[in-house]
Amino acid sequence: MSVLEGLKPERVFYYFEELCKIPHGSGNTKKISDYCVDFAKKQGLDCICDEHNNVVIKKVASAGYENHPGVIIQGHLDMVCEKEAGCDFDFTSDGLRLFTDGDYIGAHGTTLGGDDGIAIAMALAILEDDDLPHPPIEALFTTDEETGMYGASGLDASLISGKTLINADSENEGVLTAGCAGGARARIELPLKFENSEKDFYKITVSGLIGGHSGIEIDKGRLNAVKLLAEFLGEVGEFNLADIFGGAKDNVIPNRSECIIACEKNPEPLADNFFKSRAAESDPGLKVSVEKRESRTVISAEDSIKIVNLINELPNGVQKMSEDIEGLVQTSLNLGIAKIKDGRFCASLSVRSSLNAEKAELLKRLKNICEKYGASYSDGGHYPAWEFNEHSRLRGVMIEVFKKLYGREPVTEVIHAGLECGILCEKIRGLDAVSFGPDIKDIHTPRERLVISSVRRSYEYLCEVLKSL
């Protein structure tokens, strides 16, 4: 039974629900890519699917638009896979369990994938609409955006002929994004020594934090569960770590972390006092629990302290604000993953900056900290900043159409999050790009909500922009 039946625009929500039935987390995009290829075949449209599962679908111009410059409509096929604690859901095999609540669409217990499934749904609805006036269209659906923009990075630019790109990967209606930060991912590994312990074992869990997007929401001062737990462990005194775990994606602020420690004294009273003192307006749901556990192998005391001190010394959050654009974060990083795996402590961080020199300096700082603790360091997934284009024809058209439909001017901004526009502008010389999208709340978290009325307005807006190009 369709959950979204009757919502308008009907075909947009039809395709969104169909996409939600297909598991499509980052690294698991073959099936959703195949769905788009099959769609193109059924519509009689030219289609290319490359080795990265990127899909390009081409549609000729409607009557009267044959000589207009071609337009690329772009979004990414993968989604961030986060779920609530205890949620019985397998992102590799289960379709999302959608629900509606007033003007919102959500998924029970999990992220929704509105980022960026709604972009794909809008593009498919446009491609099947033979009554819509439009220039030549190339729908570009990329993969693995959420884990490093690997699809866009691997794209053969010769597959694309257009020079005008509408990216539908933004989450605030009425905002046109015209530039973004560049970034990279840093990975840390520390080899560990293990031993036995006769001490009592305790599991400490930090939960209830808000978390969120490590770019867009890094300036909101939200607590990082991994950093918070390590700060507490620095107060415990003598102990051995048996395990530590927190975060699932380096581009998501961790909202939960846990560890198992062996120590002489029950840490619960200390934990209660410590976490009460760290309560913040940004995370009113902060909780901590301490439970006794069975004995197990532990990490040596020396390496346990190394892990805690390493985490505590790693910089995190906003590092510098822009001096040119008020309120814009210029450089930041997020410790998104910490865990014990294969006898090593492993951590992963997302690093962002509008300035390549500052990004390089921050990565160098991370490397130096790793060397201090005898940990190995590597970085990858580099993507360039997308520089603001003062002379964008596309942005001018989108502003005028917005004013006609909404009776006001849209906000134009440069953001701290990474968008594929930077990679695509680097690959396609002379590319004119703008990003927009409907309202999506709490992306990258199980609280993610897509605003139904905003999708309707945004789709109508996109159709009017195509008519005007």
Protein backbone atom coordinates (compact mmCIF):
# COMPACT_ATOMS: atom_id res chain seq x y z
CA MET A 1 0.00 0.00 0.00
CA SER A 2 1.28 3.46 -0.90
CA VAL A 3 1.97 5.75 2.04
CA LEU A 4 2.41 8.89 -0.09
CA GLU A 5 -0.53 8.35 -2.45
CA GLY A 6 -2.54 11.52 -2.96
CA LEU A 7 0.33 13.89 -2.13
CA LYS A 8 1.12 16.49 -4.76
CA PRO A 9 3.04 16.73 -7.01
CA GLU A 10 1.81 13.17 -7.47
CA ARG A 11 4.59 11.87 -9.73
CA VAL A 12 7.36 13.34 -7.60
CA PHE A 13 6.08 11.57 -4.50
CA TYR A 14 5.40 8.40 -6.48
CA TYR A 15 9.05 8.21 -7.51
CA PHE A 16 10.28 9.23 -4.06
CA GLU A 17 8.36 6.35 -2.50
CA GLU A 18 9.63 3.93 -5.15
CA LEU A 19 13.22 5.01 -4.44
CA CYS A 20 12.67 4.57 -0.69
CA LYS A 21 11.77 0.92 -1.30
CA ILE A 22 15.30 0.31 -2.62
CA PRO A 23 18.22 0.05 -0.14
CA HIS A 24 20.63 2.78 -1.23
CA GLY A 25 23.14 3.63 1.44
CA SER A 26 26.55 4.84 0.34
CA GLY A 27 28.45 1.96 -1.27
CA ASN A 28 25.22 0.11 -1.98
CA THR A 29 23.89 1.96 -5.04
CA LYS A 30 23.78 -0.69 -7.78
CA LYS A 31 20.06 -1.43 -7.35
CA ILE A 32 18.94 2.19 -7.29
CA SER A 33 21.21 2.94 -10.25
CA ASP A 34 19.63 0.02 -12.12
CA TYR A 35 16.18 1.39 -11.29
CA CYS A 36 17.06 4.70 -12.94
CA VAL A 37 18.48 2.95 -16.00
CA ASP A 38 15.33 0.86 -16.31
CA PHE A 39 13.23 4.04 -16.01
CA ALA A 40 15.15 5.59 -18.92
CA LYS A 41 14.62 2.51 -21.08
CA LYS A 42 10.88 2.52 -20.39
CA GLN A 43 10.73 6.21 -21.32
CA GLY A 44 12.75 5.69 -24.49
CA LEU A 45 15.48 8.05 -23.30
CA ASP A 46 19.22 7.81 -23.94
CA CYS A 47 21.02 6.60 -20.84
CA ILE A 48 24.58 5.93 -19.73
CA CYS A 49 25.64 4.10 -16.55
CA ASP A 50 29.36 4.12 -15.74
CA GLU A 51 31.56 1.87 -13.59
CA HIS A 52 30.81 3.99 -10.49
CA ASN A 53 27.03 3.49 -10.94
CA ASN A 54 26.66 7.13 -11.96
CA VAL A 55 23.70 7.55 -14.31
CA VAL A 56 23.23 10.12 -17.08
CA ILE A 57 19.79 10.31 -18.73
CA LYS A 58 19.32 12.62 -21.71
CA LYS A 59 16.10 14.12 -23.05
CA VAL A 60 15.87 16.28 -26.16
CA ALA A 61 14.44 19.77 -25.95
CA SER A 62 10.71 20.36 -26.21
CA ALA A 63 9.32 22.21 -29.24
CA GLY A 64 10.65 25.75 -29.45
CA TYR A 65 13.60 25.09 -27.11
CA GLU A 66 15.82 23.21 -29.58
CA ASN A 67 18.38 26.02 -29.77
CA HIS A 68 18.46 26.77 -26.05
CA PRO A 69 21.59 25.78 -24.07
CA GLY A 70 21.30 22.40 -22.38
CA VAL A 71 20.59 22.08 -18.65
CA ILE A 72 21.97 19.49 -16.21
CA ILE A 73 19.70 18.49 -13.31
CA GLN A 74 21.85 16.80 -10.70
CA GLY A 75 21.48 14.91 -7.45
CA HIS A 76 23.07 11.93 -5.71
CA LEU A 77 21.68 8.41 -5.38
CA ASP A 78 23.08 7.44 -1.97
CA MET A 79 21.81 8.31 1.48
CA VAL A 80 23.22 8.47 5.00
CA CYS A 81 22.16 5.38 6.98
CA GLU A 82 21.50 6.23 10.63
CA LYS A 83 18.96 4.60 12.94
CA GLU A 84 17.71 4.95 16.48
CA ALA A 85 19.21 2.72 19.16
CA GLY A 86 17.38 -0.61 19.20
CA CYS A 87 15.75 -0.07 15.83
CA ASP A 88 15.32 -3.40 14.03
CA PHE A 89 16.26 -2.33 10.52
CA ASP A 90 18.83 -3.49 7.96
CA PHE A 91 19.87 -0.75 5.53
CA THR A 92 21.38 -3.31 3.16
CA SER A 93 18.13 -5.16 2.55
CA ASP A 94 15.11 -3.29 3.96
CA GLY A 95 13.07 -0.59 2.30
CA LEU A 96 12.42 2.52 4.39
CA ARG A 97 9.24 2.49 6.49
CA LEU A 98 7.66 5.80 5.53
CA PHE A 99 5.01 7.74 7.42
CA THR A 100 3.32 11.11 7.09
CA ASP A 101 2.63 13.50 9.94
CA GLY A 102 0.79 16.63 8.88
CA ASP A 103 3.11 18.43 6.46
CA TYR A 104 6.02 16.05 7.08
CA ILE A 105 7.30 12.77 5.66
CA GLY A 106 9.61 10.67 7.82
CA ALA A 107 10.85 7.11 8.18
CA HIS A 108 10.21 5.03 11.30
CA GLY A 109 13.43 4.78 13.31
CA THR A 110 15.80 5.76 10.50
CA THR A 111 17.04 8.51 8.27
CA LEU A 112 14.70 9.27 5.37
CA GLY A 113 17.13 9.86 2.52
CA GLY A 114 15.36 13.04 1.46
CA ASP A 115 18.98 14.05 1.07
CA ASP A 116 19.08 13.40 -1.82
CA GLY A 117 16.25 11.13 -2.92
CA ILE A 118 13.90 14.06 -3.48
CA ALA A 119 16.27 15.45 -6.13
CA ILE A 120 16.19 12.15 -8.03
CA ALA A 121 12.39 11.97 -7.71
CA MET A 122 11.93 15.50 -9.08
CA ALA A 123 14.27 14.77 -11.99
CA LEU A 124 12.45 11.55 -12.90
CA ALA A 125 9.09 13.33 -12.80
CA ILE A 126 10.44 16.01 -15.16
CA LEU A 127 11.95 13.45 -17.51
CA GLU A 128 8.62 11.63 -17.92
CA ASP A 129 6.58 14.83 -18.43
CA ASP A 130 6.20 15.38 -22.17
CA ASP A 131 4.03 18.49 -21.67
CA LEU A 132 6.66 20.51 -19.81
CA PRO A 133 8.52 23.14 -21.92
CA HIS A 134 12.27 22.75 -21.39
CA PRO A 135 15.73 23.00 -23.00
CA PRO A 136 17.76 19.84 -23.66
CA ILE A 137 18.07 18.04 -20.31
CA GLU A 138 20.83 15.86 -18.90
CA ALA A 139 19.85 14.28 -15.60
CA LEU A 140 23.05 13.40 -13.73
CA PHE A 141 22.70 11.03 -10.77
CA THR A 142 25.96 10.48 -8.90
CA THR A 143 26.91 7.95 -6.23
CA ASP A 144 28.65 7.83 -2.85
CA GLU A 145 28.36 11.55 -2.28
CA GLU A 146 27.92 11.11 1.45
CA THR A 147 31.18 9.22 1.94
CA GLY A 148 33.49 11.35 -0.19
CA MET A 149 31.77 12.36 -3.44
CA TYR A 150 33.44 9.40 -5.13
CA GLY A 151 30.87 9.13 -7.93
CA ALA A 152 31.33 12.75 -8.99
CA SER A 153 35.10 12.41 -8.64
CA GLY A 154 35.13 9.37 -10.92
CA LEU A 155 32.74 10.81 -13.51
CA ASP A 156 34.00 11.06 -17.09
CA ALA A 157 33.13 14.68 -17.93
CA SER A 158 32.90 13.83 -21.64
CA LEU A 159 29.56 12.13 -20.85
CA ILE A 160 28.11 15.60 -20.18
CA SER A 161 27.67 18.33 -22.78
CA GLY A 162 25.72 20.97 -20.84
CA LYS A 163 27.30 24.00 -19.15
CA THR A 164 24.38 24.92 -16.87
CA LEU A 165 23.94 22.84 -13.70
CA ILE A 166 20.99 22.87 -11.31
CA ASN A 167 22.01 20.86 -8.27
CA ALA A 168 19.05 19.84 -6.08
CA ASP A 169 21.00 18.87 -2.96
CA SER A 170 20.16 21.79 -0.66
CA GLU A 171 17.78 21.64 2.29
CA ASN A 172 16.34 25.12 2.73
CA GLU A 173 13.60 26.46 0.49
CA GLY A 174 14.17 30.02 -0.61
CA VAL A 175 17.95 29.72 -0.47
CA LEU A 176 20.17 29.52 -3.55
CA THR A 177 23.59 28.11 -2.79
CA ALA A 178 26.34 29.50 -5.00
CA GLY A 179 29.53 28.26 -3.36
CA CYS A 180 30.80 25.78 -0.76
CA ALA A 181 33.80 24.61 1.21
CA GLY A 182 36.28 22.01 0.07
CA GLY A 183 37.17 19.10 2.28
CA ALA A 184 38.88 15.80 2.99
CA ARG A 185 38.69 12.81 5.30
CA ALA A 186 41.44 11.97 7.78
CA ARG A 187 41.95 8.47 9.19
CA ILE A 188 43.90 7.48 12.29
CA GLU A 189 45.02 4.03 13.48
CA LEU A 190 46.83 3.23 16.71
CA PRO A 191 48.13 -0.35 17.31
CA LEU A 192 47.23 -1.69 20.75
CA LYS A 193 48.55 -4.13 23.35
CA PHE A 194 46.07 -6.32 25.22
CA GLU A 195 46.18 -8.05 28.60
CA ASN A 196 43.94 -9.60 31.25
CA SER A 197 42.45 -7.78 34.21
CA GLU A 198 40.90 -8.81 37.55
CA LYS A 199 39.21 -5.44 38.07
CA ASP A 200 35.47 -4.82 37.83
CA PHE A 201 34.10 -3.99 34.38
CA TYR A 202 31.66 -1.19 33.57
CA LYS A 203 29.92 -0.12 30.39
CA ILE A 204 29.48 3.66 30.11
CA THR A 205 27.04 4.96 27.52
CA VAL A 206 26.56 8.57 26.46
CA SER A 207 23.33 9.13 24.49
CA GLY A 208 20.53 11.55 23.74
CA LEU A 209 22.64 14.12 21.91
CA ILE A 210 21.26 15.85 18.83
CA GLY A 211 24.16 15.18 16.47
CA GLY A 212 23.57 16.37 12.91
CA HIS A 213 25.41 17.39 9.75
CA SER A 214 29.09 18.08 10.35
CA GLY A 215 29.13 20.97 7.88
CA ILE A 216 25.80 22.75 8.01
CA GLU A 217 25.34 22.30 11.76
CA ILE A 218 28.93 22.42 13.00
CA ASP A 219 28.45 26.05 14.11
CA LYS A 220 25.54 25.23 16.44
CA GLY A 221 27.85 24.16 19.27
CA ARG A 222 26.35 20.68 19.57
CA LEU A 223 28.18 18.21 21.80
CA ASN A 224 30.24 15.44 20.20
CA ALA A 225 29.54 12.17 22.03
CA VAL A 226 33.02 10.74 21.37
CA LYS A 227 34.83 13.86 22.58
CA LEU A 228 32.57 14.10 25.61
CA LEU A 229 33.18 10.48 26.63
CA ALA A 230 36.95 10.84 26.24
CA GLU A 231 36.88 14.01 28.34
CA PHE A 232 35.13 12.04 31.10
CA LEU A 233 37.60 9.15 30.87
CA GLY A 234 40.38 11.68 31.40
CA GLU A 235 38.85 12.30 34.86
CA VAL A 236 38.51 8.64 35.91
CA GLY A 237 42.07 7.98 37.05
CA GLU A 238 43.52 4.47 36.72
CA PHE A 239 41.59 2.21 34.33
CA ASN A 240 41.90 -0.07 31.32
CA LEU A 241 39.77 0.34 28.25
CA ALA A 242 38.25 -2.88 26.95
CA ASP A 243 36.34 -1.21 24.13
CA ILE A 244 35.29 2.19 22.86
CA PHE A 245 32.81 3.01 20.15
CA GLY A 246 31.09 6.11 18.83
CA GLY A 247 29.72 7.50 15.58
CA ALA A 248 29.02 5.80 12.27
CA LYS A 249 29.88 8.46 9.66
CA ASP A 250 32.69 10.99 9.75
CA ASN A 251 30.38 13.65 8.30
CA VAL A 252 27.83 13.19 11.10
CA ILE A 253 28.31 14.68 14.58
CA PRO A 254 28.19 11.60 16.88
CA ASN A 255 25.09 11.59 19.07
CA ARG A 256 26.02 8.43 20.99
CA SER A 257 29.18 6.78 22.29
CA GLU A 258 30.04 3.98 24.66
CA CYS A 259 33.00 2.28 26.24
CA ILE A 260 33.79 -0.62 28.54
CA ILE A 261 36.43 -0.03 31.18
CA ALA A 262 38.03 -2.06 33.96
CA CYS A 263 38.67 -0.11 37.17
CA GLU A 264 38.82 -0.51 40.94
CA LYS A 265 36.03 1.92 41.77
CA ASN A 266 32.50 2.20 40.36
CA PRO A 267 32.61 5.27 38.06
CA GLU A 268 28.84 5.95 38.26
CA PRO A 269 28.91 8.74 40.90
CA LEU A 270 31.72 10.51 39.04
CA ALA A 271 29.84 10.10 35.75
CA ASP A 272 26.63 11.54 37.17
CA ASN A 273 28.41 14.66 38.42
CA PHE A 274 30.57 15.08 35.34
CA PHE A 275 27.77 14.85 32.76
CA LYS A 276 25.44 17.06 34.79
CA SER A 277 28.12 19.72 34.66
CA ARG A 278 28.40 19.31 30.86
CA ALA A 279 24.67 19.67 30.17
CA ALA A 280 24.14 22.27 27.47
CA GLU A 281 21.25 24.10 25.83
CA SER A 282 22.44 22.65 22.52
CA ASP A 283 21.79 19.08 23.75
CA PRO A 284 19.09 19.02 26.42
CA GLY A 285 18.58 15.26 26.02
CA LEU A 286 22.09 14.29 27.20
CA LYS A 287 22.03 11.01 29.14
CA VAL A 288 24.68 8.77 30.69
CA SER A 289 24.34 5.24 31.99
CA VAL A 290 26.80 3.00 33.84
CA GLU A 291 26.27 -0.78 33.96
CA LYS A 292 28.41 -3.64 35.29
CA ARG A 293 29.77 -6.03 32.67
CA GLU A 294 31.48 -9.43 32.55
CA SER A 295 35.28 -9.54 32.49
CA ARG A 296 37.13 -9.61 29.20
CA THR A 297 40.48 -8.84 27.64
CA VAL A 298 41.54 -5.24 28.11
CA ILE A 299 43.84 -2.76 26.41
CA SER A 300 47.03 -2.05 28.33
CA ALA A 301 46.86 0.89 30.74
CA GLU A 302 49.48 2.73 28.70
CA ASP A 303 47.54 2.36 25.44
CA SER A 304 44.24 3.15 27.17
CA ILE A 305 45.62 6.50 28.27
CA LYS A 306 47.05 7.04 24.78
CA ILE A 307 43.61 6.61 23.22
CA VAL A 308 41.96 9.01 25.65
CA ASN A 309 44.69 11.63 25.37
CA LEU A 310 44.72 11.32 21.57
CA ILE A 311 40.96 11.88 21.33
CA ASN A 312 41.12 14.78 23.77
CA GLU A 313 43.95 16.45 21.86
CA LEU A 314 42.30 16.15 18.45
CA PRO A 315 40.77 19.50 17.46
CA ASN A 316 37.05 19.41 16.78
CA GLY A 317 34.33 21.82 15.66
CA VAL A 318 34.70 25.33 14.26
CA GLN A 319 38.33 26.41 13.88
CA LYS A 320 37.85 29.73 12.07
CA MET A 321 35.00 31.94 10.86
CA SER A 322 35.10 33.80 7.56
CA GLU A 323 36.28 37.41 7.71
CA ASP A 324 34.49 38.21 4.44
CA ILE A 325 31.04 36.62 4.86
CA GLU A 326 29.29 37.18 8.18
CA GLY A 327 28.22 33.99 9.93
CA LEU A 328 30.04 31.64 7.53
CA VAL A 329 32.28 28.96 9.00
CA GLN A 330 35.56 29.02 7.10
CA THR A 331 37.37 26.01 8.58
CA SER A 332 36.17 23.13 10.77
CA LEU A 333 36.52 19.44 11.46
CA ASN A 334 34.43 16.69 13.01
CA LEU A 335 35.59 13.58 14.84
CA GLY A 336 32.86 11.33 13.46
CA ILE A 337 34.02 7.76 14.15
CA ALA A 338 35.98 6.11 16.96
CA LYS A 339 36.22 2.34 17.49
CA ILE A 340 38.44 -0.62 18.29
CA LYS A 341 38.90 -2.88 15.27
CA ASP A 342 41.37 -5.68 14.54
CA GLY A 343 43.56 -4.82 17.51
CA ARG A 344 43.73 -1.13 16.66
CA PHE A 345 42.08 2.09 17.72
CA CYS A 346 40.58 3.65 14.58
CA ALA A 347 39.21 7.16 14.15
CA SER A 348 37.91 9.12 11.18
CA LEU A 349 37.42 12.86 10.82
CA SER A 350 35.78 15.13 8.25
CA VAL A 351 37.81 18.27 7.54
CA ARG A 352 36.36 21.29 5.71
CA SER A 353 37.60 24.70 4.65
CA SER A 354 36.85 27.39 2.09
CA LEU A 355 40.60 27.93 1.80
CA ASN A 356 42.83 25.13 0.53
CA ALA A 357 45.78 26.44 2.56
CA GLU A 358 43.83 26.24 5.83
CA LYS A 359 42.58 22.75 4.99
CA ALA A 360 46.18 21.63 4.36
CA GLU A 361 47.36 23.22 7.60
CA LEU A 362 44.64 21.49 9.61
CA LEU A 363 45.47 18.11 8.07
CA LYS A 364 49.14 18.70 8.90
CA ARG A 365 48.18 19.44 12.50
CA LEU A 366 46.28 16.15 12.71
CA LYS A 367 49.26 14.30 11.30
CA ASN A 368 51.58 15.85 13.89
CA ILE A 369 49.26 14.82 16.75
CA CYS A 370 49.20 11.26 15.41
CA GLU A 371 52.99 11.13 15.25
CA LYS A 372 53.14 12.27 18.89
CA TYR A 373 51.13 9.21 19.96
CA GLY A 374 52.68 6.71 17.56
CA ALA A 375 49.51 6.46 15.46
CA SER A 376 49.43 6.13 11.69
CA TYR A 377 47.72 8.87 9.67
CA SER A 378 46.26 9.10 6.18
CA ASP A 379 43.86 11.40 4.37
CA GLY A 380 41.81 11.09 1.20
CA GLY A 381 38.47 11.91 -0.37
CA HIS A 382 39.71 15.41 -1.17
CA TYR A 383 37.26 17.66 -2.95
CA PRO A 384 37.72 21.27 -4.05
CA ALA A 385 35.93 24.36 -2.84
CA TRP A 386 33.25 25.73 -5.17
CA GLU A 387 34.02 29.40 -5.71
CA PHE A 388 31.28 32.01 -5.99
CA ASN A 389 30.62 33.15 -9.60
CA GLU A 390 29.70 36.83 -9.64
CA HIS A 391 28.50 36.64 -13.26
CA SER A 392 26.25 33.56 -13.12
CA ARG A 393 23.46 33.73 -15.73
CA LEU A 394 21.73 30.76 -14.11
CA ARG A 395 21.61 32.43 -10.71
CA GLY A 396 20.13 35.56 -12.30
CA VAL A 397 17.36 33.53 -13.95
CA MET A 398 16.64 31.60 -10.76
CA ILE A 399 16.40 34.82 -8.75
CA GLU A 400 13.96 36.39 -11.22
CA VAL A 401 11.75 33.29 -11.37
CA PHE A 402 11.74 33.08 -7.58
CA LYS A 403 10.67 36.72 -7.28
CA LYS A 404 7.85 36.11 -9.77
CA LEU A 405 6.55 33.05 -7.91
CA TYR A 406 7.18 34.06 -4.30
CA GLY A 407 6.98 37.84 -4.42
CA ARG A 408 10.35 38.22 -2.73
CA GLU A 409 14.02 37.69 -3.48
CA PRO A 410 15.70 34.42 -2.44
CA VAL A 411 18.67 34.30 -0.13
CA THR A 412 21.94 33.64 -1.95
CA GLU A 413 24.62 32.02 0.16
CA VAL A 414 27.93 30.22 0.29
CA ILE A 415 27.87 27.26 2.69
CA HIS A 416 30.36 25.32 4.79
CA ALA A 417 29.06 21.92 3.73
CA GLY A 418 30.54 20.16 0.70
CA LEU A 419 28.59 19.90 -2.55
CA GLU A 420 29.45 18.06 -5.74
CA CYS A 421 29.26 21.36 -7.63
CA GLY A 422 32.90 22.05 -6.75
CA ILE A 423 34.07 18.78 -8.32
CA LEU A 424 31.83 19.20 -11.36
CA CYS A 425 32.95 22.83 -11.89
CA GLU A 426 36.54 21.61 -11.82
CA LYS A 427 35.77 18.86 -14.36
CA ILE A 428 33.57 20.87 -16.74
CA ARG A 429 35.23 24.10 -17.79
CA GLY A 430 32.87 27.09 -17.75
CA LEU A 431 30.14 25.30 -15.79
CA ASP A 432 27.53 27.66 -14.30
CA ALA A 433 26.04 26.02 -11.20
CA VAL A 434 23.45 26.78 -8.52
CA SER A 435 22.09 24.50 -5.80
CA PHE A 436 18.58 24.63 -4.37
CA GLY A 437 16.07 22.30 -2.72
CA PRO A 438 12.99 21.98 -0.51
CA ASP A 439 12.98 22.13 3.26
CA ILE A 440 14.41 19.01 4.91
CA LYS A 441 14.73 18.99 8.69
CA ASP A 442 17.42 17.22 10.74
CA ILE A 443 19.18 15.55 7.82
CA HIS A 444 21.62 12.72 8.60
CA THR A 445 19.61 11.80 11.72
CA PRO A 446 16.65 9.47 12.39
CA ARG A 447 14.60 12.65 12.98
CA GLU A 448 14.93 13.62 9.31
CA ARG A 449 11.70 15.09 7.91
CA LEU A 450 10.81 16.17 4.37
CA VAL A 451 8.33 19.07 4.17
CA ILE A 452 5.52 18.13 1.76
CA SER A 453 4.34 21.63 0.89
CA SER A 454 7.91 22.77 0.30
CA VAL A 455 8.47 19.93 -2.18
CA ARG A 456 5.40 21.05 -4.12
CA ARG A 457 6.58 24.65 -4.31
CA SER A 458 10.17 23.66 -5.12
CA TYR A 459 9.08 21.38 -7.95
CA GLU A 460 6.88 24.09 -9.45
CA TYR A 461 9.83 26.47 -9.12
CA LEU A 462 12.20 24.06 -10.89
CA CYS A 463 9.72 23.63 -13.76
CA GLU A 464 9.40 27.39 -14.14
CA VAL A 465 13.18 27.80 -14.14
CA LEU A 466 13.46 25.24 -16.96
CA LYS A 467 10.85 27.15 -18.95
CA SER A 468 12.88 30.34 -18.50
CA LEU A 469 16.30 29.01 -19.52
